[in-house]
Amino acid sequence: MRGWMSIAYLAKPKNLNGGLVARGASGLPFALHPGLTLAVVPPQLDAPRTLTVSEVTERAENEALVFFDEVSDLSSAELLAGCELLAREEDIDASVLEEAEALPAWEGWSVHDECAGYVGEVVEVAERATQPLLTVRRAEGGEALIPLVDEFIVEVDEDGRRIDVSLPAGLLDL
C-alpha cells in the first residue's frame, strides 16, 4: 500500500456508542483528527474497511477515545478492536511527520531480557508495516525479531550500549 502509513492501533471498544481506544503508532505523535479518512488493516468481515474520524478525546499521551462516522454501537466497535489504521501520507500534517522519531542507531548494542538474560547483539533496526523491529543475532546462533514497542523496553543504557527488555514468554522461541 504505497503512499499509506500506519498511524494508530485500535486497542479496545470503550462504550456502547461505538467509541474505541486508539493508540498512536510507534514513533509518531498522535495524529488522528476529525475528518481524517483511514483504511482498516487487516480488513474485518462485516466491519467497515474505511473509517472517517468524527470525534477525538485525548485520554493520555499518545492515546485517545475515538469515534468514527461508520461505527455507532458496541458490536461494530468490537469487530475493529485489534486493527491498525492507515492514512494516506498526503493527509497527514507535515508537522506530525517532522515530529516522528527516527529509528535508533542501536546496531552492535547488546540486548538483555529480564527472564532470559543475555539475548544477543542488535544487527538491524528496521521499520516494518506494523512497527519497527530489532533483529538480534542470538548468542546461541540464529536471529530473533523483537518488536520495538515501549511495552517491551525496560531501559536503554546509552553509555553501556545496552538495551534491557521484558519480553513475553515464548517470543524468543519464534
Protein backbone atom coordinates (compact mmCIF):
# COMPACT_ATOMS: atom_id res chain seq x y z
CA MET A 1 0.00 0.00 0.00
CA ARG A 2 2.40 2.61 -1.26
CA GLY A 3 1.56 6.13 -0.07
CA TRP A 4 -0.13 4.91 3.11
CA MET A 5 1.31 4.84 6.62
CA SER A 6 0.29 3.27 9.89
CA ILE A 7 -0.74 6.00 12.32
CA ALA A 8 -2.78 4.25 15.02
CA TYR A 9 -3.92 0.98 16.57
CA LEU A 10 -7.45 0.33 17.87
CA ALA A 11 -6.85 -1.18 21.30
CA LYS A 12 -10.39 -1.83 22.55
CA PRO A 13 -14.02 -0.70 22.42
CA LYS A 14 -14.81 1.76 25.18
CA ASN A 15 -18.54 2.47 25.23
CA LEU A 16 -21.95 1.48 23.90
CA ASN A 17 -21.89 4.27 21.29
CA GLY A 18 -19.03 2.71 19.30
CA GLY A 19 -16.11 4.62 20.79
CA LEU A 20 -12.72 2.91 20.63
CA VAL A 21 -9.47 3.50 22.49
CA ALA A 22 -6.85 4.31 19.86
CA ARG A 23 -3.11 4.41 20.45
CA GLY A 24 -0.72 6.26 18.17
CA ALA A 25 1.70 4.28 16.01
CA SER A 26 5.20 3.75 17.30
CA GLY A 27 7.47 6.69 16.56
CA LEU A 28 4.67 9.12 15.65
CA PRO A 29 2.84 11.69 17.73
CA PHE A 30 -0.91 11.04 17.96
CA ALA A 31 -2.30 12.15 14.58
CA LEU A 32 -5.99 11.25 14.48
CA HIS A 33 -8.30 14.23 13.98
CA PRO A 34 -11.92 14.78 12.89
CA GLY A 35 -12.42 14.40 9.15
CA LEU A 36 -9.42 12.09 8.60
CA THR A 37 -10.25 9.04 6.45
CA LEU A 38 -8.45 5.81 7.32
CA ALA A 39 -8.07 2.27 6.00
CA VAL A 40 -8.56 -0.60 8.45
CA VAL A 41 -6.00 -3.40 8.40
CA PRO A 42 -6.49 -6.26 8.38
CA PRO A 43 -9.98 -5.86 6.92
CA GLN A 44 -12.62 -7.46 9.12
CA LEU A 45 -15.63 -9.43 7.88
CA ASP A 46 -18.85 -7.44 8.45
CA ALA A 47 -16.94 -4.31 9.51
CA PRO A 48 -16.17 -1.12 7.60
CA ARG A 49 -12.90 -1.16 5.65
CA THR A 50 -12.52 2.60 5.76
CA LEU A 51 -13.36 4.91 8.63
CA THR A 52 -13.77 8.66 8.96
CA VAL A 53 -12.87 10.16 12.33
CA SER A 54 -15.79 12.11 13.81
CA GLU A 55 -14.52 12.87 17.34
CA VAL A 56 -11.28 12.55 19.31
CA THR A 57 -10.98 12.91 23.09
CA GLU A 58 -7.43 12.66 24.45
CA ARG A 59 -7.06 10.21 27.37
CA ALA A 60 -3.31 10.02 27.86
CA GLU A 61 -0.14 10.73 25.93
CA ASN A 62 -0.47 9.02 22.54
CA GLU A 63 -3.93 7.61 23.40
CA ALA A 64 -7.49 8.84 22.82
CA LEU A 65 -11.12 7.81 22.77
CA VAL A 66 -12.10 7.99 19.10
CA PHE A 67 -15.47 7.89 17.36
CA PHE A 68 -15.98 7.18 13.66
CA ASP A 69 -18.87 8.08 11.34
CA GLU A 70 -19.25 4.40 10.35
CA VAL A 71 -19.32 2.92 13.90
CA SER A 72 -22.33 3.61 16.11
CA ASP A 73 -22.57 0.70 18.56
CA LEU A 74 -20.50 -1.60 20.74
CA SER A 75 -20.84 -4.67 18.49
CA SER A 76 -19.41 -2.75 15.49
CA ALA A 77 -16.58 -1.39 17.63
CA GLU A 78 -15.73 -4.89 18.89
CA LEU A 79 -15.15 -6.05 15.29
CA LEU A 80 -12.46 -3.37 14.85
CA ALA A 81 -10.57 -3.87 18.12
CA GLY A 82 -7.02 -5.01 17.39
CA CYS A 83 -6.90 -3.44 13.92
CA GLU A 84 -4.38 -0.96 12.64
CA LEU A 85 -5.34 2.33 10.99
CA LEU A 86 -3.56 3.54 7.86
CA ALA A 87 -3.75 7.08 6.50
CA ARG A 88 -2.67 8.48 3.17
CA GLU A 89 0.67 10.21 3.63
CA GLU A 90 -0.70 13.30 1.88
CA ASP A 91 -3.47 13.52 4.53
CA ILE A 92 -1.00 13.70 7.42
CA ASP A 93 0.08 17.14 8.58
CA ALA A 94 3.73 17.77 7.68
CA SER A 95 4.47 18.88 11.25
CA VAL A 96 3.40 15.44 12.51
CA LEU A 97 5.84 13.76 10.14
CA GLU A 98 8.61 16.14 11.21
CA GLU A 99 7.98 15.20 14.85
CA ALA A 100 8.24 11.48 14.05
CA GLU A 101 11.05 9.83 15.88
CA ALA A 102 13.92 8.49 13.83
CA LEU A 103 14.72 4.85 14.42
CA PRO A 104 17.51 4.49 16.96
CA ALA A 105 21.01 3.58 15.76
CA TRP A 106 21.40 0.54 18.02
CA GLU A 107 23.36 -1.75 15.69
CA GLY A 108 26.02 -3.52 17.76
CA TRP A 109 24.27 -2.93 21.09
CA SER A 110 23.61 -5.85 23.45
CA VAL A 111 20.07 -6.94 24.35
CA HIS A 112 19.23 -8.42 27.76
CA ASP A 113 15.85 -9.85 28.76
CA GLU A 114 14.65 -9.79 32.38
CA CYS A 115 13.99 -13.55 32.34
CA ALA A 116 16.25 -14.97 29.60
CA GLY A 117 19.33 -12.87 30.38
CA TYR A 118 21.69 -12.02 27.51
CA VAL A 119 19.80 -12.39 24.24
CA GLY A 120 22.38 -11.21 21.71
CA GLU A 121 23.54 -8.26 19.63
CA VAL A 122 21.40 -5.94 17.51
CA VAL A 123 22.24 -6.34 13.82
CA GLU A 124 19.44 -4.15 12.44
CA VAL A 125 16.72 -1.73 13.50
CA ALA A 126 14.17 -1.69 10.68
CA GLU A 127 10.79 -0.07 10.04
CA ARG A 128 8.14 -2.64 9.16
CA ALA A 129 4.49 -2.26 8.14
CA THR A 130 3.16 -2.71 11.67
CA GLN A 131 6.02 -1.47 13.87
CA PRO A 132 9.81 -1.22 13.95
CA LEU A 133 11.70 -4.45 14.67
CA LEU A 134 15.04 -5.18 16.25
CA THR A 135 16.88 -8.01 14.52
CA VAL A 136 19.10 -9.59 17.18
CA ARG A 137 21.86 -12.13 16.48
CA ARG A 138 21.26 -14.71 19.23
CA ALA A 139 24.14 -15.76 21.46
CA GLU A 140 23.41 -19.43 20.69
CA GLY A 141 23.03 -18.81 16.96
CA GLY A 142 20.23 -17.67 14.71
CA GLU A 143 18.30 -14.44 14.92
CA ALA A 144 15.38 -13.11 16.94
CA LEU A 145 12.94 -10.43 15.81
CA ILE A 146 11.85 -8.21 18.66
CA PRO A 147 9.06 -5.66 18.12
CA LEU A 148 10.35 -2.24 19.09
CA VAL A 149 7.46 -1.18 21.32
CA ASP A 150 7.54 0.79 24.55
CA GLU A 151 5.89 -2.06 26.43
CA PHE A 152 8.96 -4.30 25.89
CA ILE A 153 11.73 -1.74 26.54
CA VAL A 154 12.70 -1.56 30.22
CA GLU A 155 15.84 0.57 29.98
CA VAL A 156 18.28 1.88 27.41
CA ASP A 157 21.85 2.43 28.64
CA GLU A 158 23.46 4.77 26.11
CA ASP A 159 26.90 4.66 27.76
CA GLY A 160 26.92 0.87 28.08
CA ARG A 161 25.28 0.36 24.63
CA ARG A 162 22.78 -1.99 26.27
CA ILE A 163 19.01 -2.46 25.84
CA ASP A 164 17.12 -4.15 28.68
CA VAL A 165 13.80 -5.68 27.66
CA SER A 166 10.92 -7.58 29.23
CA LEU A 167 9.67 -9.92 26.51
CA PRO A 168 6.51 -12.04 26.57
CA ALA A 169 7.11 -15.73 27.25
CA GLY A 170 7.87 -17.61 24.06
CA LEU A 171 8.76 -14.60 21.87
CA LEU A 172 12.41 -15.64 21.63
CA ASP A 173 11.34 -19.16 20.59
CA LEU A 174 9.63 -17.95 17.39
